[in-house]
Amino acid sequence: MPRRWKPPKEDRTDSEAVRRDAEFRRKLRDVLEHGDEDDFVAVLRSYKPEISKEDLRNAIMQFHVYAREKRGLY
């Protein structure tokens, strides 16, 4: 039986991973528009539970900057 051509591993798409990524982006967009810091942390931890303290701290700081800009405080 002849072998079938497959795209390189880095070009293959996993439909479940694509779905999870789209769901994360939707939840993140909702939290950025209507949520607070606790909601943001919950969404971030659900997507990436092994996030380091430093990365989490940086993401929270970015959330605060976005929230201030959105509210016109900067």
N, C-alpha and C. Protein backbone atom coordinates (compact mmCIF):
# COMPACT_ATOMS: atom_id res chain seq x y z
N MET A 1 0.85 -1.17 0.00
CA MET A 1 0.00 0.00 0.00
C MET A 1 0.90 1.24 0.00
N PRO A 2 0.63 2.20 -0.87
CA PRO A 2 1.47 3.40 -0.91
C PRO A 2 1.20 4.29 0.30
N ARG A 3 2.23 4.97 0.72
CA ARG A 3 2.09 5.87 1.85
C ARG A 3 1.35 7.13 1.43
N ARG A 4 0.58 7.65 2.35
CA ARG A 4 -0.15 8.89 2.10
C ARG A 4 0.70 10.07 2.55
N TRP A 5 0.57 11.17 1.84
CA TRP A 5 1.31 12.37 2.21
C TRP A 5 0.67 13.00 3.43
N LYS A 6 1.48 13.43 4.38
CA LYS A 6 1.02 14.14 5.56
C LYS A 6 1.76 15.46 5.64
N PRO A 7 1.09 16.50 6.08
CA PRO A 7 1.82 17.76 6.26
C PRO A 7 2.83 17.61 7.40
N PRO A 8 3.84 18.44 7.41
CA PRO A 8 4.81 18.38 8.53
C PRO A 8 4.10 18.56 9.87
N LYS A 9 4.66 18.01 10.93
CA LYS A 9 4.01 18.04 12.24
C LYS A 9 3.65 19.46 12.68
N GLU A 10 4.52 20.41 12.44
CA GLU A 10 4.23 21.77 12.90
C GLU A 10 3.08 22.41 12.12
N ASP A 11 2.72 21.86 10.95
CA ASP A 11 1.62 22.41 10.17
C ASP A 11 0.30 21.68 10.41
N ARG A 12 0.31 20.58 11.13
CA ARG A 12 -0.92 19.85 11.39
C ARG A 12 -1.76 20.59 12.43
N THR A 13 -3.05 20.48 12.27
CA THR A 13 -3.94 21.13 13.23
C THR A 13 -4.72 20.08 14.00
N ASP A 14 -4.79 20.28 15.27
CA ASP A 14 -5.57 19.43 16.15
C ASP A 14 -6.89 20.16 16.39
N SER A 15 -8.00 19.58 15.97
CA SER A 15 -9.29 20.27 16.05
C SER A 15 -9.66 20.61 17.50
N GLU A 16 -9.31 19.75 18.44
CA GLU A 16 -9.61 20.02 19.84
C GLU A 16 -8.77 21.20 20.35
N ALA A 17 -7.52 21.28 19.96
CA ALA A 17 -6.67 22.40 20.37
C ALA A 17 -7.18 23.71 19.77
N VAL A 18 -7.62 23.66 18.54
CA VAL A 18 -8.17 24.85 17.89
C VAL A 18 -9.44 25.30 18.61
N ARG A 19 -10.29 24.34 18.99
CA ARG A 19 -11.52 24.67 19.71
C ARG A 19 -11.21 25.29 21.07
N ARG A 20 -10.25 24.69 21.80
CA ARG A 20 -9.88 25.22 23.12
C ARG A 20 -9.32 26.64 22.99
N ASP A 21 -8.50 26.87 21.98
CA ASP A 21 -7.92 28.19 21.78
C ASP A 21 -9.01 29.22 21.46
N ALA A 22 -9.95 28.86 20.61
CA ALA A 22 -11.04 29.77 20.27
C ALA A 22 -11.91 30.06 21.50
N GLU A 23 -12.18 29.03 22.30
CA GLU A 23 -12.97 29.22 23.51
C GLU A 23 -12.24 30.12 24.50
N PHE A 24 -10.92 29.94 24.65
CA PHE A 24 -10.13 30.79 25.54
C PHE A 24 -10.19 32.24 25.07
N ARG A 25 -10.03 32.46 23.77
CA ARG A 25 -10.07 33.83 23.24
C ARG A 25 -11.44 34.48 23.47
N ARG A 26 -12.52 33.71 23.32
CA ARG A 26 -13.86 34.24 23.55
C ARG A 26 -14.04 34.61 25.02
N LYS A 27 -13.62 33.72 25.92
CA LYS A 27 -13.74 33.99 27.36
C LYS A 27 -12.89 35.19 27.75
N LEU A 28 -11.68 35.26 27.20
CA LEU A 28 -10.79 36.36 27.53
C LEU A 28 -11.38 37.69 27.06
N ARG A 29 -11.95 37.70 25.87
CA ARG A 29 -12.57 38.92 25.35
C ARG A 29 -13.71 39.37 26.26
N ASP A 30 -14.54 38.41 26.73
CA ASP A 30 -15.64 38.73 27.63
C ASP A 30 -15.13 39.29 28.96
N VAL A 31 -14.08 38.67 29.49
CA VAL A 31 -13.52 39.13 30.77
C VAL A 31 -12.91 40.52 30.61
N LEU A 32 -12.23 40.77 29.52
CA LEU A 32 -11.63 42.08 29.31
C LEU A 32 -12.69 43.17 29.20
N GLU A 33 -13.84 42.84 28.68
CA GLU A 33 -14.90 43.83 28.53
C GLU A 33 -15.73 44.00 29.80
N HIS A 34 -16.01 42.90 30.52
CA HIS A 34 -16.97 42.97 31.62
C HIS A 34 -16.47 42.41 32.94
N GLY A 35 -15.31 41.82 32.97
CA GLY A 35 -14.86 41.13 34.18
C GLY A 35 -13.91 41.94 35.03
N ASP A 36 -13.51 41.32 36.13
CA ASP A 36 -12.52 41.93 37.01
C ASP A 36 -11.28 41.03 37.06
N GLU A 37 -10.37 41.38 37.94
CA GLU A 37 -9.10 40.66 38.02
C GLU A 37 -9.29 39.19 38.37
N ASP A 38 -10.21 38.89 39.27
CA ASP A 38 -10.44 37.49 39.66
C ASP A 38 -10.94 36.66 38.48
N ASP A 39 -11.83 37.24 37.68
CA ASP A 39 -12.31 36.53 36.49
C ASP A 39 -11.18 36.31 35.50
N PHE A 40 -10.33 37.31 35.34
CA PHE A 40 -9.19 37.21 34.43
C PHE A 40 -8.24 36.10 34.85
N VAL A 41 -7.93 36.04 36.12
CA VAL A 41 -7.02 35.01 36.64
C VAL A 41 -7.64 33.63 36.47
N ALA A 42 -8.94 33.50 36.72
CA ALA A 42 -9.61 32.21 36.57
C ALA A 42 -9.55 31.72 35.13
N VAL A 43 -9.78 32.61 34.17
CA VAL A 43 -9.73 32.23 32.75
C VAL A 43 -8.31 31.85 32.37
N LEU A 44 -7.35 32.64 32.80
CA LEU A 44 -5.95 32.37 32.46
C LEU A 44 -5.48 31.05 33.06
N ARG A 45 -5.85 30.78 34.30
CA ARG A 45 -5.44 29.51 34.93
C ARG A 45 -6.15 28.30 34.33
N SER A 46 -7.37 28.49 33.86
CA SER A 46 -8.07 27.36 33.23
C SER A 46 -7.42 27.00 31.90
N TYR A 47 -6.87 28.00 31.21
CA TYR A 47 -6.22 27.75 29.93
C TYR A 47 -4.80 27.23 30.12
N LYS A 48 -4.10 27.79 31.09
CA LYS A 48 -2.71 27.42 31.33
C LYS A 48 -2.49 27.22 32.83
N PRO A 49 -2.85 26.05 33.36
CA PRO A 49 -2.77 25.83 34.81
C PRO A 49 -1.35 25.87 35.37
N GLU A 50 -0.35 25.59 34.56
CA GLU A 50 1.03 25.55 35.05
C GLU A 50 1.74 26.90 34.89
N ILE A 51 0.99 27.99 34.74
CA ILE A 51 1.60 29.31 34.54
C ILE A 51 2.43 29.68 35.78
N SER A 52 3.59 30.25 35.54
CA SER A 52 4.46 30.62 36.64
C SER A 52 3.96 31.89 37.33
N LYS A 53 4.42 32.11 38.55
CA LYS A 53 4.00 33.29 39.30
C LYS A 53 4.40 34.57 38.57
N GLU A 54 5.60 34.56 37.99
CA GLU A 54 6.09 35.74 37.29
C GLU A 54 5.24 36.04 36.05
N ASP A 55 4.92 35.01 35.28
CA ASP A 55 4.09 35.21 34.09
C ASP A 55 2.68 35.66 34.48
N LEU A 56 2.15 35.10 35.55
CA LEU A 56 0.82 35.50 36.02
C LEU A 56 0.84 36.95 36.48
N ARG A 57 1.87 37.33 37.20
CA ARG A 57 1.99 38.71 37.67
C ARG A 57 2.06 39.67 36.49
N ASN A 58 2.85 39.31 35.46
CA ASN A 58 2.95 40.17 34.28
C ASN A 58 1.62 40.27 33.54
N ALA A 59 0.89 39.17 33.43
CA ALA A 59 -0.41 39.19 32.76
C ALA A 59 -1.40 40.05 33.54
N ILE A 60 -1.37 39.97 34.87
CA ILE A 60 -2.27 40.79 35.69
C ILE A 60 -1.94 42.27 35.52
N MET A 61 -0.67 42.59 35.47
CA MET A 61 -0.28 43.99 35.25
C MET A 61 -0.77 44.48 33.90
N GLN A 62 -0.68 43.66 32.87
CA GLN A 62 -1.19 44.04 31.56
C GLN A 62 -2.71 44.21 31.60
N PHE A 63 -3.39 43.35 32.36
CA PHE A 63 -4.84 43.49 32.52
C PHE A 63 -5.18 44.83 33.15
N HIS A 64 -4.44 45.22 34.18
CA HIS A 64 -4.70 46.50 34.84
C HIS A 64 -4.49 47.67 33.89
N VAL A 65 -3.44 47.61 33.09
CA VAL A 65 -3.18 48.68 32.12
C VAL A 65 -4.33 48.76 31.13
N TYR A 66 -4.77 47.62 30.62
CA TYR A 66 -5.87 47.61 29.65
C TYR A 66 -7.14 48.18 30.28
N ALA A 67 -7.43 47.76 31.52
CA ALA A 67 -8.65 48.22 32.18
C ALA A 67 -8.61 49.73 32.41
N ARG A 68 -7.46 50.25 32.79
CA ARG A 68 -7.34 51.70 33.00
C ARG A 68 -7.50 52.47 31.69
N GLU A 69 -6.89 51.98 30.63
CA GLU A 69 -7.01 52.64 29.33
C GLU A 69 -8.45 52.60 28.85
N LYS A 70 -9.12 51.48 29.05
CA LYS A 70 -10.50 51.33 28.62
C LYS A 70 -11.41 52.31 29.37
N ARG A 71 -11.12 52.53 30.64
CA ARG A 71 -11.95 53.42 31.44
C ARG A 71 -11.52 54.88 31.33
N GLY A 72 -10.46 55.14 30.57
CA GLY A 72 -10.00 56.50 30.36
C GLY A 72 -9.22 57.07 31.53
N LEU A 73 -8.60 56.22 32.33
CA LEU A 73 -7.85 56.70 33.49
C LEU A 73 -6.39 56.97 33.16
N TYR A 74 -5.96 56.61 31.96
CA TYR A 74 -4.57 56.90 31.55
C TYR A 74 -4.57 58.00 30.55
